[in-house]
PDB file of N, CA and C in Angstrom:
ATOM      1  N   MET A   1       0.810  -1.042   0.057  1.00  0.00           N
ATOM      2  CA  MET A   1      -0.012   0.057   0.135  1.00  0.00           C
ATOM      3  C   MET A   1       0.911   1.374   0.129  1.00  0.00           C
ATOM      4  N   GLY A   2       0.381   2.176  -0.730  1.00  0.00           N
ATOM      5  CA  GLY A   2       1.299   3.420  -1.114  1.00  0.00           C
ATOM      6  C   GLY A   2       1.183   4.353   0.379  1.00  0.00           C
ATOM      7  N   ALA A   3       1.937   5.443   0.172  1.00  0.00           N
ATOM      8  CA  ALA A   3       1.628   6.309   1.229  1.00  0.00           C
ATOM      9  C   ALA A   3       0.246   7.114   1.072  1.00  0.00           C
ATOM     10  N   LEU A   4      -0.084   7.363  -0.211  1.00  0.00           N
ATOM     11  CA  LEU A   4      -1.430   8.005  -0.497  1.00  0.00           C
ATOM     12  C   LEU A   4      -2.337   6.989  -0.145  1.00  0.00           C
ATOM     13  N   ASP A   5      -2.513   5.876  -0.242  1.00  0.00           N
ATOM     14  CA  ASP A   5      -3.283   4.911   0.310  1.00  0.00           C
ATOM     15  C   ASP A   5      -3.389   4.882   1.631  1.00  0.00           C
ATOM     16  N   ASP A   6      -2.208   5.001   2.367  1.00  0.00           N
ATOM     17  CA  ASP A   6      -2.320   4.917   3.741  1.00  0.00           C
ATOM     18  C   ASP A   6      -3.100   6.072   4.579  1.00  0.00           C
ATOM     19  N   LEU A   7      -2.732   7.238   3.770  1.00  0.00           N
ATOM     20  CA  LEU A   7      -3.225   8.799   3.988  1.00  0.00           C
ATOM     21  C   LEU A   7      -4.802   8.499   3.833  1.00  0.00           C
ATOM     22  N   ALA A   8      -5.319   8.060   2.917  1.00  0.00           N
ATOM     23  CA  ALA A   8      -6.899   7.850   2.619  1.00  0.00           C
ATOM     24  C   ALA A   8      -7.518   6.862   3.798  1.00  0.00           C
ATOM     25  N   LYS A   9      -6.792   5.885   4.164  1.00  0.00           N
ATOM     26  CA  LYS A   9      -7.360   4.710   5.181  1.00  0.00           C
ATOM     27  C   LYS A   9      -7.382   5.689   6.302  1.00  0.00           C
ATOM     28  N   ASN A  10      -6.398   6.466   6.692  1.00  0.00           N
ATOM     29  CA  ASN A  10      -6.277   6.846   8.041  1.00  0.00           C
ATOM     30  C   ASN A  10      -7.120   8.283   8.255  1.00  0.00           C
ATOM     31  N   ALA A  11      -7.481   8.575   7.017  1.00  0.00           N
ATOM     32  CA  ALA A  11      -8.435   9.809   7.040  1.00  0.00           C
ATOM     33  C   ALA A  11     -10.045   9.238   7.183  1.00  0.00           C
ATOM     34  N   GLN A  12     -10.074   7.996   6.364  1.00  0.00           N
ATOM     35  CA  GLN A  12     -11.526   7.370   6.615  1.00  0.00           C
ATOM     36  C   GLN A  12     -11.670   6.913   8.068  1.00  0.00           C
ATOM     37  N   GLU A  13     -10.669   6.378   8.814  1.00  0.00           N
ATOM     38  CA  GLU A  13     -10.844   5.945   9.975  1.00  0.00           C
ATOM     39  C   GLU A  13     -11.003   6.986  10.846  1.00  0.00           C
ATOM     40  N   PHE A  14     -10.411   8.131  10.716  1.00  0.00           N
ATOM     41  CA  PHE A  14     -10.641   9.308  11.770  1.00  0.00           C
ATOM     42  C   PHE A  14     -11.980   9.706  11.377  1.00  0.00           C
ATOM     43  N   VAL A  15     -12.467   9.724  10.312  1.00  0.00           N
ATOM     44  CA  VAL A  15     -13.907  10.385  10.164  1.00  0.00           C
ATOM     45  C   VAL A  15     -14.910   9.366  10.905  1.00  0.00           C
ATOM     46  N   GLU A  16     -14.771   8.127  10.637  1.00  0.00           N
ATOM     47  CA  GLU A  16     -15.812   7.034  11.271  1.00  0.00           C
ATOM     48  C   GLU A  16     -15.499   7.222  12.887  1.00  0.00           C
ATOM     49  N   GLU A  17     -14.416   7.168  13.209  1.00  0.00           N
ATOM     50  CA  GLU A  17     -14.236   7.433  14.775  1.00  0.00           C
ATOM     51  C   GLU A  17     -14.664   8.575  15.222  1.00  0.00           C
ATOM     52  N   ASN A  18     -14.625   9.658  14.601  1.00  0.00           N
ATOM     53  CA  ASN A  18     -15.277  11.156  15.124  1.00  0.00           C
ATOM     54  C   ASN A  18     -16.363  11.804  14.439  1.00  0.00           C
ATOM     55  N   LYS A  19     -17.077  10.737  13.884  1.00  0.00           N
ATOM     56  CA  LYS A  19     -18.351  11.111  13.109  1.00  0.00           C
ATOM     57  C   LYS A  19     -19.451  11.968  13.698  1.00  0.00           C
ATOM     58  N   ASP A  20     -19.623  11.654  14.879  1.00  0.00           N
ATOM     59  CA  ASP A  20     -20.570  12.445  15.811  1.00  0.00           C
ATOM     60  C   ASP A  20     -20.031  13.880  16.230  1.00  0.00           C
ATOM     61  N   LYS A  21     -18.686  13.845  16.447  1.00  0.00           N
ATOM     62  CA  LYS A  21     -17.915  15.056  16.762  1.00  0.00           C
ATOM     63  C   LYS A  21     -17.596  15.877  15.506  1.00  0.00           C
ATOM     64  N   ILE A  22     -17.696  15.485  14.533  1.00  0.00           N
ATOM     65  CA  ILE A  22     -17.615  16.035  13.193  1.00  0.00           C
ATOM     66  C   ILE A  22     -18.968  16.856  12.662  1.00  0.00           C
ATOM     67  N   ASN A  23     -20.054  15.828  12.973  1.00  0.00           N
ATOM     68  CA  ASN A  23     -21.602  16.372  12.698  1.00  0.00           C
ATOM     69  C   ASN A  23     -22.016  17.714  13.543  1.00  0.00           C
ATOM     70  N   GLU A  24     -21.419  17.304  14.917  1.00  0.00           N
ATOM     71  CA  GLU A  24     -21.850  18.466  15.857  1.00  0.00           C
ATOM     72  C   GLU A  24     -20.751  19.830  15.313  1.00  0.00           C
ATOM     73  N   ALA A  25     -19.878  19.427  15.133  1.00  0.00           N
ATOM     74  CA  ALA A  25     -18.968  20.808  14.515  1.00  0.00           C
ATOM     75  C   ALA A  25     -19.579  21.531  13.251  1.00  0.00           C
ATOM     76  N   LEU A  26     -19.942  20.490  12.287  1.00  0.00           N
ATOM     77  CA  LEU A  26     -20.652  21.337  11.147  1.00  0.00           C
ATOM     78  C   LEU A  26     -22.089  21.922  11.446  1.00  0.00           C
ATOM     79  N   ASN A  27     -22.634  21.466  12.668  1.00  0.00           N
ATOM     80  CA  ASN A  27     -23.959  22.064  12.830  1.00  0.00           C
ATOM     81  C   ASN A  27     -24.010  23.149  13.855  1.00  0.00           C
ATOM     82  N   SER A  28     -22.765  23.632  14.063  1.00  0.00           N
ATOM     83  CA  SER A  28     -22.408  24.507  15.185  1.00  0.00           C
ATOM     84  C   SER A  28     -22.724  25.962  14.649  1.00  0.00           C
ATOM     85  N   GLU A  29     -23.049  27.052  15.719  1.00  0.00           N
ATOM     86  CA  GLU A  29     -23.196  28.455  15.125  1.00  0.00           C
ATOM     87  C   GLU A  29     -21.974  28.893  14.952  1.00  0.00           C
ATOM     88  N   GLN A  30     -20.814  28.435  15.224  1.00  0.00           N
ATOM     89  CA  GLN A  30     -19.707  28.792  14.506  1.00  0.00           C
ATOM     90  C   GLN A  30     -19.531  28.454  13.231  1.00  0.00           C
ATOM     91  N   ALA A  31     -19.704  27.379  12.784  1.00  0.00           N
ATOM     92  CA  ALA A  31     -19.740  26.654  11.399  1.00  0.00           C
ATOM     93  C   ALA A  31     -20.510  27.489  10.692  1.00  0.00           C
ATOM     94  N   GLU A  32     -21.773  28.130  10.961  1.00  0.00           N
ATOM     95  CA  GLU A  32     -22.601  28.801  10.312  1.00  0.00           C
ATOM     96  C   GLU A  32     -22.111  30.273   9.985  1.00  0.00           C
ATOM     97  N   GLU A  33     -21.380  30.915  11.032  1.00  0.00           N
ATOM     98  CA  GLU A  33     -20.674  32.021  10.574  1.00  0.00           C
ATOM     99  C   GLU A  33     -19.662  32.002   9.655  1.00  0.00           C
ATOM    100  N   ILE A  34     -18.881  31.107   9.916  1.00  0.00           N
ATOM    101  CA  ILE A  34     -17.747  30.928   8.902  1.00  0.00           C
ATOM    102  C   ILE A  34     -18.097  30.362   7.670  1.00  0.00           C
ATOM    103  N   SER A  35     -19.219  29.658   7.359  1.00  0.00           N
ATOM    104  CA  SER A  35     -19.702  29.180   6.078  1.00  0.00           C
ATOM    105  C   SER A  35     -20.374  30.250   5.406  1.00  0.00           C
ATOM    106  N   ASP A  36     -21.166  31.282   5.889  1.00  0.00           N
ATOM    107  CA  ASP A  36     -21.777  32.368   5.341  1.00  0.00           C
ATOM    108  C   ASP A  36     -20.761  33.050   4.843  1.00  0.00           C
ATOM    109  N   LYS A  37     -19.584  33.137   5.663  1.00  0.00           N
ATOM    110  CA  LYS A  37     -18.602  34.167   5.083  1.00  0.00           C
ATOM    111  C   LYS A  37     -17.813  33.671   3.818  1.00  0.00           C
ATOM    112  N   VAL A  38     -17.615  32.120   4.184  1.00  0.00           N
ATOM    113  CA  VAL A  38     -16.710  31.691   2.770  1.00  0.00           C
ATOM    114  C   VAL A  38     -17.653  31.443   1.751  1.00  0.00           C
ATOM    115  N   LEU A  39     -18.652  30.772   2.100  1.00  0.00           N
ATOM    116  CA  LEU A  39     -19.585  30.490   0.617  1.00  0.00           C
ATOM    117  C   LEU A  39     -19.953  31.872   0.129  1.00  0.00           C
ATOM    118  N   GLY A  40     -20.326  32.856   0.795  1.00  0.00           N
ATOM    119  CA  GLY A  40     -20.488  34.247   0.166  1.00  0.00           C
ATOM    120  C   GLY A  40     -19.478  34.692  -0.576  1.00  0.00           C
ATOM    121  N   ALA A  41     -18.147  34.660  -0.006  1.00  0.00           N
ATOM    122  CA  ALA A  41     -17.140  35.225  -0.655  1.00  0.00           C
ATOM    123  C   ALA A  41     -16.706  34.135  -2.263  1.00  0.00           C
ATOM    124  N   VAL A  42     -17.135  32.503  -1.970  1.00  0.00           N
ATOM    125  CA  VAL A  42     -16.917  32.093  -3.149  1.00  0.00           C
ATOM    126  C   VAL A  42     -17.779  32.388  -4.316  1.00  0.00           C
ATOM    127  N   ALA A  43     -19.124  32.713  -3.783  1.00  0.00           N
ATOM    128  CA  ALA A  43     -20.172  32.958  -4.728  1.00  0.00           C
ATOM    129  C   ALA A  43     -20.098  34.323  -5.368  1.00  0.00           C
ATOM    130  N   ASP A  44     -19.406  35.369  -4.820  1.00  0.00           N
ATOM    131  CA  ASP A  44     -19.231  36.652  -5.088  1.00  0.00           C
ATOM    132  C   ASP A  44     -18.275  36.559  -6.488  1.00  0.00           C
ATOM    133  N   THR A  45     -17.177  35.870  -6.057  1.00  0.00           N
ATOM    134  CA  THR A  45     -16.103  35.619  -6.906  1.00  0.00           C
ATOM    135  C   THR A  45     -16.449  34.662  -8.110  1.00  0.00           C
ATOM    136  N   ALA A  46     -17.130  33.767  -7.922  1.00  0.00           N
ATOM    137  CA  ALA A  46     -17.833  32.949  -9.022  1.00  0.00           C
ATOM    138  C   ALA A  46     -18.381  33.807 -10.059  1.00  0.00           C
ATOM    139  N   LYS A  47     -19.298  34.929  -9.596  1.00  0.00           N
ATOM    140  CA  LYS A  47     -20.159  35.415 -10.040  1.00  0.00           C
ATOM    141  C   LYS A  47     -19.391  36.506 -11.354  1.00  0.00           C
ATOM    142  N   LYS A  48     -18.126  37.010 -10.525  1.00  0.00           N
ATOM    143  CA  LYS A  48     -17.394  37.684 -11.292  1.00  0.00           C
ATOM    144  C   LYS A  48     -16.584  36.984 -12.559  1.00  0.00           C
ATOM    145  N   VAL A  49     -16.574  35.641 -12.721  1.00  0.00           N
ATOM    146  CA  VAL A  49     -15.936  34.989 -13.675  1.00  0.00           C
ATOM    147  C   VAL A  49     -16.855  34.240 -14.827  1.00  0.00           C
ATOM    148  N   VAL A  50     -18.005  33.793 -14.057  1.00  0.00           N
ATOM    149  CA  VAL A  50     -19.144  33.317 -14.982  1.00  0.00           C
ATOM    150  C   VAL A  50     -19.839  34.312 -15.838  1.00  0.00           C
ATOM    151  N   PRO A  51     -20.158  34.143 -16.623  1.00  0.00           N
ATOM    152  CA  PRO A  51     -21.223  34.716 -17.550  1.00  0.00           C
ATOM    153  C   PRO A  51     -22.583  35.006 -16.823  1.00  0.00           C
ATOM    154  N   GLU A  52     -23.254  36.088 -16.789  1.00  0.00           N
ATOM    155  CA  GLU A  52     -24.464  36.266 -15.923  1.00  0.00           C
ATOM    156  C   GLU A  52     -25.558  35.328 -16.003  1.00  0.00           C
ATOM    157  N   GLU A  53     -25.681  34.875 -17.091  1.00  0.00           N
ATOM    158  CA  GLU A  53     -26.689  33.597 -17.340  1.00  0.00           C
ATOM    159  C   GLU A  53     -26.427  32.437 -16.333  1.00  0.00           C
ATOM    160  N   HIS A  54     -25.447  32.478 -15.572  1.00  0.00           N
ATOM    161  CA  HIS A  54     -25.230  31.481 -14.792  1.00  0.00           C
ATOM    162  C   HIS A  54     -25.295  31.897 -13.419  1.00  0.00           C
ATOM    163  N   HIS A  55     -25.306  32.731 -13.110  1.00  0.00           N
ATOM    164  CA  HIS A  55     -25.570  33.640 -11.678  1.00  0.00           C
ATOM    165  C   HIS A  55     -26.521  32.685 -10.811  1.00  0.00           C
ATOM    166  N   ASP A  56     -27.909  32.430 -11.379  1.00  0.00           N
ATOM    167  CA  ASP A  56     -28.817  31.868 -10.804  1.00  0.00           C
ATOM    168  C   ASP A  56     -28.197  30.406 -10.342  1.00  0.00           C
ATOM    169  N   LYS A  57     -27.469  29.536 -11.110  1.00  0.00           N
ATOM    170  CA  LYS A  57     -26.702  28.297 -10.834  1.00  0.00           C
ATOM    171  C   LYS A  57     -26.087  28.831  -9.665  1.00  0.00           C
ATOM    172  N   VAL A  58     -25.106  29.750  -9.570  1.00  0.00           N
ATOM    173  CA  VAL A  58     -24.118  29.877  -8.477  1.00  0.00           C
ATOM    174  C   VAL A  58     -24.808  30.217  -7.239  1.00  0.00           C
ATOM    175  N   ASP A  59     -25.943  30.951  -7.260  1.00  0.00           N
ATOM    176  CA  ASP A  59     -27.006  31.193  -6.202  1.00  0.00           C
ATOM    177  C   ASP A  59     -27.602  29.706  -5.783  1.00  0.00           C
ATOM    178  N   GLU A  60     -27.769  28.690  -6.600  1.00  0.00           N
ATOM    179  CA  GLU A  60     -28.638  27.597  -6.125  1.00  0.00           C
ATOM    180  C   GLU A  60     -27.476  27.018  -5.344  1.00  0.00           C
ATOM    181  N   VAL A  61     -26.251  26.704  -5.859  1.00  0.00           N
ATOM    182  CA  VAL A  61     -25.361  25.881  -5.281  1.00  0.00           C
ATOM    183  C   VAL A  61     -24.856  26.702  -4.141  1.00  0.00           C
ATOM    184  N   HIS A  62     -24.846  27.965  -3.604  1.00  0.00           N
ATOM    185  CA  HIS A  62     -24.346  28.767  -2.631  1.00  0.00           C
ATOM    186  C   HIS A  62     -25.535  28.114  -1.601  1.00  0.00           C
ATOM    187  N   SER A  63     -26.955  28.160  -2.067  1.00  0.00           N
ATOM    188  CA  SER A  63     -27.965  27.843  -0.722  1.00  0.00           C
ATOM    189  C   SER A  63     -28.009  26.318  -0.684  1.00  0.00           C
ATOM    190  N   HIS A  64     -27.387  25.388  -1.326  1.00  0.00           N
ATOM    191  CA  HIS A  64     -27.594  24.154  -1.221  1.00  0.00           C
ATOM    192  C   HIS A  64     -26.466  24.096  -0.119  1.00  0.00           C
ATOM    193  N   LEU A  65     -25.142  24.315  -0.520  1.00  0.00           N
ATOM    194  CA  LEU A  65     -24.109  24.132   0.409  1.00  0.00           C
ATOM    195  C   LEU A  65     -24.478  24.870   1.935  1.00  0.00           C
ATOM    196  N   ASP A  66     -25.127  26.082   1.791  1.00  0.00           N
ATOM    197  CA  ASP A  66     -25.218  26.881   3.171  1.00  0.00           C
ATOM    198  C   ASP A  66     -26.078  25.939   4.009  1.00  0.00           C
ATOM    199  N   LYS A  67     -27.057  25.422   3.495  1.00  0.00           N
ATOM    200  CA  LYS A  67     -28.269  24.536   4.159  1.00  0.00           C
ATOM    201  C   LYS A  67     -27.292  23.360   4.763  1.00  0.00           C
ATOM    202  N   SER A  68     -26.294  22.827   4.022  1.00  0.00           N
ATOM    203  CA  SER A  68     -25.524  21.695   4.675  1.00  0.00           C
ATOM    204  C   SER A  68     -24.736  21.771   5.913  1.00  0.00           C
ATOM    205  N   ILE A  69     -24.435  23.277   6.458  1.00  0.00           N
ATOM    206  CA  ILE A  69     -23.329  23.428   7.155  1.00  0.00           C
ATOM    207  C   ILE A  69     -23.973  24.752   8.172  1.00  0.00           C
ATOM    208  N   GLY A  70     -23.785  24.429   9.395  1.00  0.00           N
ATOM    209  CA  GLY A  70     -24.387  25.443  10.299  1.00  0.00           C
ATOM    210  C   GLY A  70     -25.552  25.177  10.882  1.00  0.00           C
ATOM    211  N   THR A  71     -26.462  26.152  11.618  1.00  0.00           N
ATOM    212  CA  THR A  71     -27.503  25.705  12.325  1.00  0.00           C
ATOM    213  C   THR A  71     -28.686  26.473  11.563  1.00  0.00           C
ATOM    214  N   GLU A  72     -28.776  27.205  10.505  1.00  0.00           N
ATOM    215  CA  GLU A  72     -29.653  27.516   9.887  1.00  0.00           C
ATOM    216  C   GLU A  72     -30.284  27.021   8.704  1.00  0.00           C
ATOM    217  N   PRO A  73     -31.407  26.166   8.463  1.00  0.00           N
ATOM    218  CA  PRO A  73     -31.733  25.454   7.361  1.00  0.00           C
ATOM    219  C   PRO A  73     -32.205  26.209   6.121  1.00  0.00           C
TER     220      PRO A  73
END
């Protein structure tokens, strides 16, 4: 098994062992605040580089991701 395979296996084991803590962190108020800032900045940047006809799709992806992280549905 190569180094990359070992890293992937270790990462998978870490996630399995800490699934509850990871979910708790992703659904925290702090994660909500950080994700709002990061996702907003990414969406704004994407809108600067994609044609205007794709801005609705950028907003859709932003909304979907935002619902997956933090405390606000």
